[in-house]
Amino acid sequence: MAAVGLGIPLVVTAMPEFGMLAIGAVAASVTDALGGGTVLQFVVFAIVSVALIAVVRPIANRQRAGRPTLASGVDALKGRQAVVLERVDGQGGRIKLAGEIWSARSLDGDRTFEVGQQVDVVDIDGATAVVM
């Protein structure tokens, strides 16, 4: 019964610790079914619950931290390649980036890129791609 009681907050709050406590409660009820006394049930509950939290939680945190982040919007455009449509220099120009035409300027004001050249987008400044 305690396992069900701990399973409800797991679903409502999405805190995996409640699931680990619920597994500890199941282990305690198995101990009861095998004839273990009340003290032994509490000990089994505590050992199983603490062991799961101590082992599973750090593993889950590492997995969550290791996930790649999904870039969206202008952040997804940084680092992509584009094709120069109109000469790009420090003052401006046009590129084709991700199937769209963008205004662009060179990161290095003295550098120019001619029509047809591949450039790398290093930043998006408003509606202007900064390229190199």
C-alpha atoms as a PDB file:
ATOM      1  CA  MET A   1       0.000   0.000   0.000  1.00  0.00           C
ATOM      2  CA  ALA A   2       2.883   2.360   0.750  1.00  0.00           C
ATOM      3  CA  ALA A   3       4.299   1.730  -2.734  1.00  0.00           C
ATOM      4  CA  VAL A   4       1.069   2.984  -4.310  1.00  0.00           C
ATOM      5  CA  GLY A   5       1.060   5.957  -1.939  1.00  0.00           C
ATOM      6  CA  LEU A   6       4.576   6.870  -3.044  1.00  0.00           C
ATOM      7  CA  GLY A   7       3.800   6.235  -6.709  1.00  0.00           C
ATOM      8  CA  ILE A   8       1.129   8.949  -6.793  1.00  0.00           C
ATOM      9  CA  PRO A   9       3.527  11.846  -5.996  1.00  0.00           C
ATOM     10  CA  LEU A  10       5.953  10.352  -8.527  1.00  0.00           C
ATOM     11  CA  VAL A  11       3.383  10.807 -11.274  1.00  0.00           C
ATOM     12  CA  VAL A  12       2.134  14.190 -10.049  1.00  0.00           C
ATOM     13  CA  THR A  13       5.521  15.826  -9.371  1.00  0.00           C
ATOM     14  CA  ALA A  14       7.735  13.875 -11.790  1.00  0.00           C
ATOM     15  CA  MET A  15      10.332  13.467  -9.035  1.00  0.00           C
ATOM     16  CA  PRO A  16      12.065  10.115  -9.573  1.00  0.00           C
ATOM     17  CA  GLU A  17      13.024   9.926  -5.900  1.00  0.00           C
ATOM     18  CA  PHE A  18       9.411   8.995  -5.075  1.00  0.00           C
ATOM     19  CA  GLY A  19       9.713   6.069  -7.478  1.00  0.00           C
ATOM     20  CA  MET A  20      12.833   4.898  -5.717  1.00  0.00           C
ATOM     21  CA  LEU A  21      11.060   5.119  -2.364  1.00  0.00           C
ATOM     22  CA  ALA A  22       8.147   3.167  -3.876  1.00  0.00           C
ATOM     23  CA  ILE A  23      10.563   0.403  -4.929  1.00  0.00           C
ATOM     24  CA  GLY A  24      11.891   0.381  -1.345  1.00  0.00           C
ATOM     25  CA  ALA A  25       8.301  -0.048  -0.116  1.00  0.00           C
ATOM     26  CA  VAL A  26       7.793  -2.968  -2.507  1.00  0.00           C
ATOM     27  CA  ALA A  27      10.984  -4.572  -1.172  1.00  0.00           C
ATOM     28  CA  ALA A  28       9.667  -4.107   2.378  1.00  0.00           C
ATOM     29  CA  SER A  29       6.345  -5.728   1.466  1.00  0.00           C
ATOM     30  CA  VAL A  30       8.210  -8.685  -0.081  1.00  0.00           C
ATOM     31  CA  THR A  31      10.118  -8.958   3.199  1.00  0.00           C
ATOM     32  CA  ASP A  32       6.768  -9.068   5.028  1.00  0.00           C
ATOM     33  CA  ALA A  33       5.458 -11.759   2.664  1.00  0.00           C
ATOM     34  CA  LEU A  34       8.550 -13.835   3.400  1.00  0.00           C
ATOM     35  CA  GLY A  35       7.848 -13.576   7.139  1.00  0.00           C
ATOM     36  CA  GLY A  36      10.168 -10.729   8.110  1.00  0.00           C
ATOM     37  CA  GLY A  37       9.263  -8.672  11.135  1.00  0.00           C
ATOM     38  CA  THR A  38       8.422  -4.996  11.272  1.00  0.00           C
ATOM     39  CA  VAL A  39      11.957  -3.919  12.146  1.00  0.00           C
ATOM     40  CA  LEU A  40      13.396  -5.919   9.246  1.00  0.00           C
ATOM     41  CA  GLN A  41      10.832  -4.358   6.890  1.00  0.00           C
ATOM     42  CA  PHE A  42      11.943  -0.847   7.910  1.00  0.00           C
ATOM     43  CA  VAL A  43      15.600  -1.804   7.495  1.00  0.00           C
ATOM     44  CA  VAL A  44      14.983  -3.280   4.012  1.00  0.00           C
ATOM     45  CA  PHE A  45      12.941  -0.203   3.022  1.00  0.00           C
ATOM     46  CA  ALA A  46      15.697   2.148   4.187  1.00  0.00           C
ATOM     47  CA  ILE A  47      18.559   0.200   2.595  1.00  0.00           C
ATOM     48  CA  VAL A  48      16.849  -0.275  -0.787  1.00  0.00           C
ATOM     49  CA  SER A  49      15.593   3.322  -0.956  1.00  0.00           C
ATOM     50  CA  VAL A  50      18.897   4.917   0.032  1.00  0.00           C
ATOM     51  CA  ALA A  51      20.865   2.618  -2.263  1.00  0.00           C
ATOM     52  CA  LEU A  52      18.656   3.476  -5.248  1.00  0.00           C
ATOM     53  CA  ILE A  53      18.840   7.204  -4.564  1.00  0.00           C
ATOM     54  CA  ALA A  54      22.622   7.046  -4.030  1.00  0.00           C
ATOM     55  CA  VAL A  55      23.264   5.037  -7.202  1.00  0.00           C
ATOM     56  CA  VAL A  56      20.542   5.928  -9.698  1.00  0.00           C
ATOM     57  CA  ARG A  57      20.253   9.663  -9.066  1.00  0.00           C
ATOM     58  CA  PRO A  58      23.894  10.552  -9.975  1.00  0.00           C
ATOM     59  CA  ILE A  59      23.658   8.399 -13.106  1.00  0.00           C
ATOM     60  CA  ALA A  60      20.431  10.130 -14.140  1.00  0.00           C
ATOM     61  CA  ASN A  61      21.956  13.566 -13.517  1.00  0.00           C
ATOM     62  CA  ARG A  62      24.976  12.717 -15.689  1.00  0.00           C
ATOM     63  CA  GLN A  63      22.692  11.515 -18.477  1.00  0.00           C
ATOM     64  CA  ARG A  64      20.594  14.665 -18.270  1.00  0.00           C
ATOM     65  CA  ALA A  65      23.664  16.937 -18.278  1.00  0.00           C
ATOM     66  CA  GLY A  66      25.227  15.109 -21.229  1.00  0.00           C
ATOM     67  CA  ARG A  67      22.342  15.729 -23.597  1.00  0.00           C
ATOM     68  CA  PRO A  68      23.113  17.997 -26.509  1.00  0.00           C
ATOM     69  CA  THR A  69      21.157  21.208 -26.509  1.00  0.00           C
ATOM     70  CA  LEU A  70      18.946  21.949 -29.448  1.00  0.00           C
ATOM     71  CA  ALA A  71      19.734  25.304 -31.006  1.00  0.00           C
ATOM     72  CA  SER A  72      16.808  27.184 -32.455  1.00  0.00           C
ATOM     73  CA  GLY A  73      16.158  30.547 -34.078  1.00  0.00           C
ATOM     74  CA  VAL A  74      19.217  32.589 -34.950  1.00  0.00           C
ATOM     75  CA  ASP A  75      21.377  30.420 -32.671  1.00  0.00           C
ATOM     76  CA  ALA A  76      20.816  27.529 -35.078  1.00  0.00           C
ATOM     77  CA  LEU A  77      22.273  29.610 -37.917  1.00  0.00           C
ATOM     78  CA  LYS A  78      25.582  30.350 -36.229  1.00  0.00           C
ATOM     79  CA  GLY A  79      28.334  28.107 -37.546  1.00  0.00           C
ATOM     80  CA  ARG A  80      26.501  27.255 -40.780  1.00  0.00           C
ATOM     81  CA  GLN A  81      27.837  27.846 -44.260  1.00  0.00           C
ATOM     82  CA  ALA A  82      26.282  30.249 -46.729  1.00  0.00           C
ATOM     83  CA  VAL A  83      26.833  31.256 -50.349  1.00  0.00           C
ATOM     84  CA  VAL A  84      27.588  34.850 -51.307  1.00  0.00           C
ATOM     85  CA  LEU A  85      24.950  36.308 -53.671  1.00  0.00           C
ATOM     86  CA  GLU A  86      26.214  39.901 -53.701  1.00  0.00           C
ATOM     87  CA  ARG A  87      29.732  40.941 -52.752  1.00  0.00           C
ATOM     88  CA  VAL A  88      30.141  40.961 -48.962  1.00  0.00           C
ATOM     89  CA  ASP A  89      32.538  43.347 -47.219  1.00  0.00           C
ATOM     90  CA  GLY A  90      32.637  45.309 -43.987  1.00  0.00           C
ATOM     91  CA  GLN A  91      29.798  47.537 -45.198  1.00  0.00           C
ATOM     92  CA  GLY A  92      27.366  44.844 -46.299  1.00  0.00           C
ATOM     93  CA  GLY A  93      26.272  42.396 -48.961  1.00  0.00           C
ATOM     94  CA  ARG A  94      23.884  39.468 -49.441  1.00  0.00           C
ATOM     95  CA  ILE A  95      24.166  35.739 -48.783  1.00  0.00           C
ATOM     96  CA  LYS A  96      21.947  32.697 -49.101  1.00  0.00           C
ATOM     97  CA  LEU A  97      21.716  31.073 -45.683  1.00  0.00           C
ATOM     98  CA  ALA A  98      19.503  28.072 -44.935  1.00  0.00           C
ATOM     99  CA  GLY A  99      17.490  28.680 -48.098  1.00  0.00           C
ATOM    100  CA  GLU A 100      16.857  32.351 -47.289  1.00  0.00           C
ATOM    101  CA  ILE A 101      18.489  35.548 -48.491  1.00  0.00           C
ATOM    102  CA  TRP A 102      20.168  37.482 -45.702  1.00  0.00           C
ATOM    103  CA  SER A 103      22.015  40.762 -45.520  1.00  0.00           C
ATOM    104  CA  ALA A 104      25.569  40.137 -44.422  1.00  0.00           C
ATOM    105  CA  ARG A 105      28.782  41.862 -43.502  1.00  0.00           C
ATOM    106  CA  SER A 106      32.316  40.649 -43.067  1.00  0.00           C
ATOM    107  CA  LEU A 107      33.636  40.061 -39.549  1.00  0.00           C
ATOM    108  CA  ASP A 108      36.918  41.601 -40.655  1.00  0.00           C
ATOM    109  CA  GLY A 109      36.030  44.958 -42.208  1.00  0.00           C
ATOM    110  CA  ASP A 110      38.941  44.735 -44.678  1.00  0.00           C
ATOM    111  CA  ARG A 111      37.996  41.291 -46.003  1.00  0.00           C
ATOM    112  CA  THR A 112      35.711  40.882 -49.021  1.00  0.00           C
ATOM    113  CA  PHE A 113      33.930  37.834 -50.361  1.00  0.00           C
ATOM    114  CA  GLU A 114      32.892  37.560 -53.986  1.00  0.00           C
ATOM    115  CA  VAL A 115      29.751  36.062 -55.536  1.00  0.00           C
ATOM    116  CA  GLY A 116      29.689  32.256 -55.318  1.00  0.00           C
ATOM    117  CA  GLN A 117      32.146  31.957 -52.421  1.00  0.00           C
ATOM    118  CA  GLN A 118      31.300  29.854 -49.366  1.00  0.00           C
ATOM    119  CA  VAL A 119      31.353  31.761 -46.084  1.00  0.00           C
ATOM    120  CA  ASP A 120      30.857  30.723 -42.467  1.00  0.00           C
ATOM    121  CA  VAL A 121      28.292  32.518 -40.338  1.00  0.00           C
ATOM    122  CA  VAL A 122      29.878  33.469 -37.008  1.00  0.00           C
ATOM    123  CA  ASP A 123      27.140  35.668 -35.582  1.00  0.00           C
ATOM    124  CA  ILE A 124      23.751  37.195 -36.282  1.00  0.00           C
ATOM    125  CA  ASP A 125      23.549  40.914 -35.554  1.00  0.00           C
ATOM    126  CA  GLY A 126      19.881  41.886 -35.773  1.00  0.00           C
ATOM    127  CA  ALA A 127      18.914  40.937 -39.317  1.00  0.00           C
ATOM    128  CA  THR A 128      22.501  40.826 -40.573  1.00  0.00           C
ATOM    129  CA  ALA A 129      24.686  37.745 -40.695  1.00  0.00           C
ATOM    130  CA  VAL A 130      28.299  38.327 -39.717  1.00  0.00           C
ATOM    131  CA  VAL A 131      30.497  36.094 -41.881  1.00  0.00           C
ATOM    132  CA  MET A 132      34.084  35.074 -42.365  1.00  0.00           C
END
